[in-house]
Amino acid sequence: MHHSPHPSTQYTIREHLHRFVHWTRRRRRAALGLVLRGICYGLGTALVSTAAVWVQHRF
């Protein structure tokens, strides 16, 4: 069995939620930027793919 020199810490659901909320508050701007970038990439990909399919069926 693996014995770690550092004992594992058991967190309650409330502690996990509290830590997650603080983590998201500190990184909100970066997360929103990544979401916006993902949306833009998705829309661009959809537009180019739709245009490619249209051109293939048109000609």
PDB file of N, CA and C in Angstrom:
ATOM      1  N   MET A   1       0.831  -1.175   0.000  1.00  0.00           N
ATOM      2  CA  MET A   1       0.000   0.000   0.000  1.00  0.00           C
ATOM      3  C   MET A   1       0.877   1.240   0.000  1.00  0.00           C
ATOM      4  N   HIS A   2       0.431   2.283  -0.676  1.00  0.00           N
ATOM      5  CA  HIS A   2       1.190   3.521  -0.789  1.00  0.00           C
ATOM      6  C   HIS A   2       0.984   4.368   0.462  1.00  0.00           C
ATOM      7  N   HIS A   3       2.065   4.740   1.095  1.00  0.00           N
ATOM      8  CA  HIS A   3       1.990   5.602   2.272  1.00  0.00           C
ATOM      9  C   HIS A   3       2.639   6.936   1.943  1.00  0.00           C
ATOM     10  N   SER A   4       1.863   7.964   1.983  1.00  0.00           N
ATOM     11  CA  SER A   4       2.362   9.295   1.690  1.00  0.00           C
ATOM     12  C   SER A   4       2.844   9.960   2.973  1.00  0.00           C
ATOM     13  N   PRO A   5       3.926  10.747   2.907  1.00  0.00           N
ATOM     14  CA  PRO A   5       4.365  11.458   4.102  1.00  0.00           C
ATOM     15  C   PRO A   5       3.362  12.523   4.544  1.00  0.00           C
ATOM     16  N   HIS A   6       2.499  12.954   3.603  1.00  0.00           N
ATOM     17  CA  HIS A   6       1.481  13.939   3.920  1.00  0.00           C
ATOM     18  C   HIS A   6       0.132  13.240   4.010  1.00  0.00           C
ATOM     19  N   PRO A   7      -0.517  13.282   5.140  1.00  0.00           N
ATOM     20  CA  PRO A   7      -1.817  12.624   5.244  1.00  0.00           C
ATOM     21  C   PRO A   7      -2.837  13.316   4.350  1.00  0.00           C
ATOM     22  N   SER A   8      -3.715  12.532   3.754  1.00  0.00           N
ATOM     23  CA  SER A   8      -4.735  13.110   2.880  1.00  0.00           C
ATOM     24  C   SER A   8      -5.754  13.857   3.730  1.00  0.00           C
ATOM     25  N   THR A   9      -6.222  14.954   3.191  1.00  0.00           N
ATOM     26  CA  THR A   9      -7.189  15.777   3.899  1.00  0.00           C
ATOM     27  C   THR A   9      -8.565  15.496   3.317  1.00  0.00           C
ATOM     28  N   GLN A  10      -9.491  15.227   4.174  1.00  0.00           N
ATOM     29  CA  GLN A  10     -10.861  14.980   3.745  1.00  0.00           C
ATOM     30  C   GLN A  10     -11.636  16.298   3.814  1.00  0.00           C
ATOM     31  N   TYR A  11     -12.173  16.718   2.687  1.00  0.00           N
ATOM     32  CA  TYR A  11     -12.962  17.945   2.638  1.00  0.00           C
ATOM     33  C   TYR A  11     -14.435  17.591   2.544  1.00  0.00           C
ATOM     34  N   THR A  12     -15.245  18.391   3.179  1.00  0.00           N
ATOM     35  CA  THR A  12     -16.684  18.200   3.060  1.00  0.00           C
ATOM     36  C   THR A  12     -17.150  18.843   1.765  1.00  0.00           C
ATOM     37  N   ILE A  13     -18.355  18.555   1.387  1.00  0.00           N
ATOM     38  CA  ILE A  13     -18.917  19.152   0.168  1.00  0.00           C
ATOM     39  C   ILE A  13     -18.970  20.668   0.306  1.00  0.00           C
ATOM     40  N   ARG A  14     -19.315  21.152   1.478  1.00  0.00           N
ATOM     41  CA  ARG A  14     -19.376  22.595   1.708  1.00  0.00           C
ATOM     42  C   ARG A  14     -17.998  23.241   1.531  1.00  0.00           C
ATOM     43  N   GLU A  15     -16.960  22.599   2.021  1.00  0.00           N
ATOM     44  CA  GLU A  15     -15.605  23.142   1.863  1.00  0.00           C
ATOM     45  C   GLU A  15     -15.174  23.138   0.406  1.00  0.00           C
ATOM     46  N   HIS A  16     -15.510  22.064  -0.319  1.00  0.00           N
ATOM     47  CA  HIS A  16     -15.194  22.015  -1.752  1.00  0.00           C
ATOM     48  C   HIS A  16     -15.916  23.134  -2.491  1.00  0.00           C
ATOM     49  N   LEU A  17     -17.189  23.324  -2.188  1.00  0.00           N
ATOM     50  CA  LEU A  17     -17.965  24.370  -2.839  1.00  0.00           C
ATOM     51  C   LEU A  17     -17.392  25.743  -2.516  1.00  0.00           C
ATOM     52  N   HIS A  18     -17.032  25.968  -1.278  1.00  0.00           N
ATOM     53  CA  HIS A  18     -16.457  27.242  -0.859  1.00  0.00           C
ATOM     54  C   HIS A  18     -15.151  27.521  -1.604  1.00  0.00           C
ATOM     55  N   ARG A  19     -14.295  26.512  -1.681  1.00  0.00           N
ATOM     56  CA  ARG A  19     -13.023  26.674  -2.396  1.00  0.00           C
ATOM     57  C   ARG A  19     -13.258  26.922  -3.883  1.00  0.00           C
ATOM     58  N   PHE A  20     -14.237  26.238  -4.487  1.00  0.00           N
ATOM     59  CA  PHE A  20     -14.542  26.409  -5.906  1.00  0.00           C
ATOM     60  C   PHE A  20     -15.065  27.821  -6.181  1.00  0.00           C
ATOM     61  N   VAL A  21     -15.943  28.326  -5.316  1.00  0.00           N
ATOM     62  CA  VAL A  21     -16.489  29.672  -5.497  1.00  0.00           C
ATOM     63  C   VAL A  21     -15.373  30.706  -5.435  1.00  0.00           C
ATOM     64  N   HIS A  22     -14.477  30.590  -4.473  1.00  0.00           N
ATOM     65  CA  HIS A  22     -13.365  31.536  -4.386  1.00  0.00           C
ATOM     66  C   HIS A  22     -12.435  31.410  -5.588  1.00  0.00           C
ATOM     67  N   TRP A  23     -12.206  30.207  -6.066  1.00  0.00           N
ATOM     68  CA  TRP A  23     -11.348  29.992  -7.228  1.00  0.00           C
ATOM     69  C   TRP A  23     -11.962  30.657  -8.458  1.00  0.00           C
ATOM     70  N   THR A  24     -13.281  30.496  -8.641  1.00  0.00           N
ATOM     71  CA  THR A  24     -13.927  31.078  -9.817  1.00  0.00           C
ATOM     72  C   THR A  24     -13.980  32.599  -9.732  1.00  0.00           C
ATOM     73  N   ARG A  25     -14.150  33.138  -8.534  1.00  0.00           N
ATOM     74  CA  ARG A  25     -14.151  34.597  -8.404  1.00  0.00           C
ATOM     75  C   ARG A  25     -12.805  35.192  -8.796  1.00  0.00           C
ATOM     76  N   ARG A  26     -11.731  34.518  -8.439  1.00  0.00           N
ATOM     77  CA  ARG A  26     -10.397  35.028  -8.773  1.00  0.00           C
ATOM     78  C   ARG A  26     -10.101  34.897 -10.266  1.00  0.00           C
ATOM     79  N   ARG A  27     -10.724  33.965 -10.928  1.00  0.00           N
ATOM     80  CA  ARG A  27     -10.388  33.700 -12.329  1.00  0.00           C
ATOM     81  C   ARG A  27     -11.544  33.970 -13.296  1.00  0.00           C
ATOM     82  N   ARG A  28     -12.505  34.760 -12.877  1.00  0.00           N
ATOM     83  CA  ARG A  28     -13.699  35.004 -13.688  1.00  0.00           C
ATOM     84  C   ARG A  28     -13.362  35.645 -15.032  1.00  0.00           C
ATOM     85  N   ARG A  29     -12.523  36.662 -15.020  1.00  0.00           N
ATOM     86  CA  ARG A  29     -12.209  37.370 -16.265  1.00  0.00           C
ATOM     87  C   ARG A  29     -11.502  36.459 -17.265  1.00  0.00           C
ATOM     88  N   ALA A  30     -10.563  35.665 -16.779  1.00  0.00           N
ATOM     89  CA  ALA A  30      -9.857  34.740 -17.671  1.00  0.00           C
ATOM     90  C   ALA A  30     -10.815  33.682 -18.215  1.00  0.00           C
ATOM     91  N   ALA A  31     -11.698  33.186 -17.348  1.00  0.00           N
ATOM     92  CA  ALA A  31     -12.651  32.162 -17.781  1.00  0.00           C
ATOM     93  C   ALA A  31     -13.615  32.722 -18.824  1.00  0.00           C
ATOM     94  N   LEU A  32     -14.094  33.937 -18.616  1.00  0.00           N
ATOM     95  CA  LEU A  32     -15.003  34.537 -19.594  1.00  0.00           C
ATOM     96  C   LEU A  32     -14.302  34.782 -20.926  1.00  0.00           C
ATOM     97  N   GLY A  33     -13.041  35.157 -20.871  1.00  0.00           N
ATOM     98  CA  GLY A  33     -12.277  35.330 -22.109  1.00  0.00           C
ATOM     99  C   GLY A  33     -12.134  34.035 -22.879  1.00  0.00           C
ATOM    100  N   LEU A  34     -11.899  32.947 -22.146  1.00  0.00           N
ATOM    101  CA  LEU A  34     -11.780  31.641 -22.803  1.00  0.00           C
ATOM    102  C   LEU A  34     -13.111  31.184 -23.383  1.00  0.00           C
ATOM    103  N   VAL A  35     -14.201  31.454 -22.665  1.00  0.00           N
ATOM    104  CA  VAL A  35     -15.526  31.095 -23.179  1.00  0.00           C
ATOM    105  C   VAL A  35     -15.823  31.893 -24.448  1.00  0.00           C
ATOM    106  N   LEU A  36     -15.534  33.188 -24.432  1.00  0.00           N
ATOM    107  CA  LEU A  36     -15.766  34.013 -25.617  1.00  0.00           C
ATOM    108  C   LEU A  36     -14.927  33.529 -26.793  1.00  0.00           C
ATOM    109  N   ARG A  37     -13.679  33.178 -26.530  1.00  0.00           N
ATOM    110  CA  ARG A  37     -12.816  32.672 -27.593  1.00  0.00           C
ATOM    111  C   ARG A  37     -13.374  31.368 -28.168  1.00  0.00           C
ATOM    112  N   GLY A  38     -13.833  30.494 -27.295  1.00  0.00           N
ATOM    113  CA  GLY A  38     -14.416  29.225 -27.745  1.00  0.00           C
ATOM    114  C   GLY A  38     -15.657  29.434 -28.597  1.00  0.00           C
ATOM    115  N   ILE A  39     -16.503  30.378 -28.184  1.00  0.00           N
ATOM    116  CA  ILE A  39     -17.706  30.675 -28.961  1.00  0.00           C
ATOM    117  C   ILE A  39     -17.325  31.211 -30.344  1.00  0.00           C
ATOM    118  N   CYS A  40     -16.357  32.099 -30.383  1.00  0.00           N
ATOM    119  CA  CYS A  40     -15.926  32.664 -31.669  1.00  0.00           C
ATOM    120  C   CYS A  40     -15.324  31.593 -32.579  1.00  0.00           C
ATOM    121  N   TYR A  41     -14.487  30.728 -32.018  1.00  0.00           N
ATOM    122  CA  TYR A  41     -13.925  29.640 -32.818  1.00  0.00           C
ATOM    123  C   TYR A  41     -15.028  28.722 -33.330  1.00  0.00           C
ATOM    124  N   GLY A  42     -15.991  28.420 -32.484  1.00  0.00           N
ATOM    125  CA  GLY A  42     -17.094  27.543 -32.887  1.00  0.00           C
ATOM    126  C   GLY A  42     -17.933  28.156 -33.997  1.00  0.00           C
ATOM    127  N   LEU A  43     -18.251  29.438 -33.847  1.00  0.00           N
ATOM    128  CA  LEU A  43     -19.034  30.111 -34.889  1.00  0.00           C
ATOM    129  C   LEU A  43     -18.261  30.199 -36.199  1.00  0.00           C
ATOM    130  N   GLY A  44     -16.969  30.499 -36.121  1.00  0.00           N
ATOM    131  CA  GLY A  44     -16.149  30.571 -37.331  1.00  0.00           C
ATOM    132  C   GLY A  44     -16.063  29.229 -38.031  1.00  0.00           C
ATOM    133  N   THR A  45     -15.883  28.176 -37.252  1.00  0.00           N
ATOM    134  CA  THR A  45     -15.811  26.830 -37.827  1.00  0.00           C
ATOM    135  C   THR A  45     -17.131  26.449 -38.476  1.00  0.00           C
ATOM    136  N   ALA A  46     -18.234  26.763 -37.796  1.00  0.00           N
ATOM    137  CA  ALA A  46     -19.550  26.448 -38.349  1.00  0.00           C
ATOM    138  C   ALA A  46     -19.794  27.210 -39.652  1.00  0.00           C
ATOM    139  N   LEU A  47     -19.407  28.477 -39.690  1.00  0.00           N
ATOM    140  CA  LEU A  47     -19.603  29.287 -40.887  1.00  0.00           C
ATOM    141  C   LEU A  47     -18.778  28.760 -42.055  1.00  0.00           C
ATOM    142  N   VAL A  48     -17.515  28.462 -41.823  1.00  0.00           N
ATOM    143  CA  VAL A  48     -16.649  27.949 -42.891  1.00  0.00           C
ATOM    144  C   VAL A  48     -17.130  26.575 -43.355  1.00  0.00           C
ATOM    145  N   SER A  49     -17.533  25.725 -42.426  1.00  0.00           N
ATOM    146  CA  SER A  49     -18.014  24.391 -42.805  1.00  0.00           C
ATOM    147  C   SER A  49     -19.299  24.476 -43.612  1.00  0.00           C
ATOM    148  N   THR A  50     -20.199  25.354 -43.197  1.00  0.00           N
ATOM    149  CA  THR A  50     -21.449  25.537 -43.939  1.00  0.00           C
ATOM    150  C   THR A  50     -21.171  26.062 -45.339  1.00  0.00           C
ATOM    151  N   ALA A  51     -20.253  27.009 -45.461  1.00  0.00           N
ATOM    152  CA  ALA A  51     -19.904  27.546 -46.783  1.00  0.00           C
ATOM    153  C   ALA A  51     -19.261  26.467 -47.648  1.00  0.00           C
ATOM    154  N   ALA A  52     -18.410  25.620 -47.052  1.00  0.00           N
ATOM    155  CA  ALA A  52     -17.764  24.551 -47.820  1.00  0.00           C
ATOM    156  C   ALA A  52     -18.783  23.544 -48.320  1.00  0.00           C
ATOM    157  N   VAL A  53     -19.736  23.174 -47.474  1.00  0.00           N
ATOM    158  CA  VAL A  53     -20.780  22.232 -47.896  1.00  0.00           C
ATOM    159  C   VAL A  53     -21.643  22.854 -48.968  1.00  0.00           C
ATOM    160  N   TRP A  54     -21.970  24.134 -48.825  1.00  0.00           N
ATOM    161  CA  TRP A  54     -22.786  24.819 -49.827  1.00  0.00           C
ATOM    162  C   TRP A  54     -22.076  24.847 -51.183  1.00  0.00           C
ATOM    163  N   VAL A  55     -20.773  25.158 -51.161  1.00  0.00           N
ATOM    164  CA  VAL A  55     -20.012  25.211 -52.416  1.00  0.00           C
ATOM    165  C   VAL A  55     -19.936  23.820 -53.036  1.00  0.00           C
ATOM    166  N   GLN A  56     -19.744  22.769 -52.254  1.00  0.00           N
ATOM    167  CA  GLN A  56     -19.669  21.414 -52.794  1.00  0.00           C
ATOM    168  C   GLN A  56     -20.987  20.998 -53.438  1.00  0.00           C
ATOM    169  N   HIS A  57     -22.104  21.364 -52.831  1.00  0.00           N
ATOM    170  CA  HIS A  57     -23.400  20.995 -53.410  1.00  0.00           C
ATOM    171  C   HIS A  57     -23.814  21.901 -54.549  1.00  0.00           C
ATOM    172  N   ARG A  58     -23.326  23.113 -54.545  1.00  0.00           N
ATOM    173  CA  ARG A  58     -23.691  24.080 -55.584  1.00  0.00           C
ATOM    174  C   ARG A  58     -22.989  23.772 -56.898  1.00  0.00           C
ATOM    175  N   PHE A  59     -21.724  23.340 -56.799  1.00  0.00           N
ATOM    176  CA  PHE A  59     -20.960  23.107 -58.034  1.00  0.00           C
ATOM    177  C   PHE A  59     -20.721  21.668 -58.204  1.00  0.00           C
TER     178      PHE A  59
END
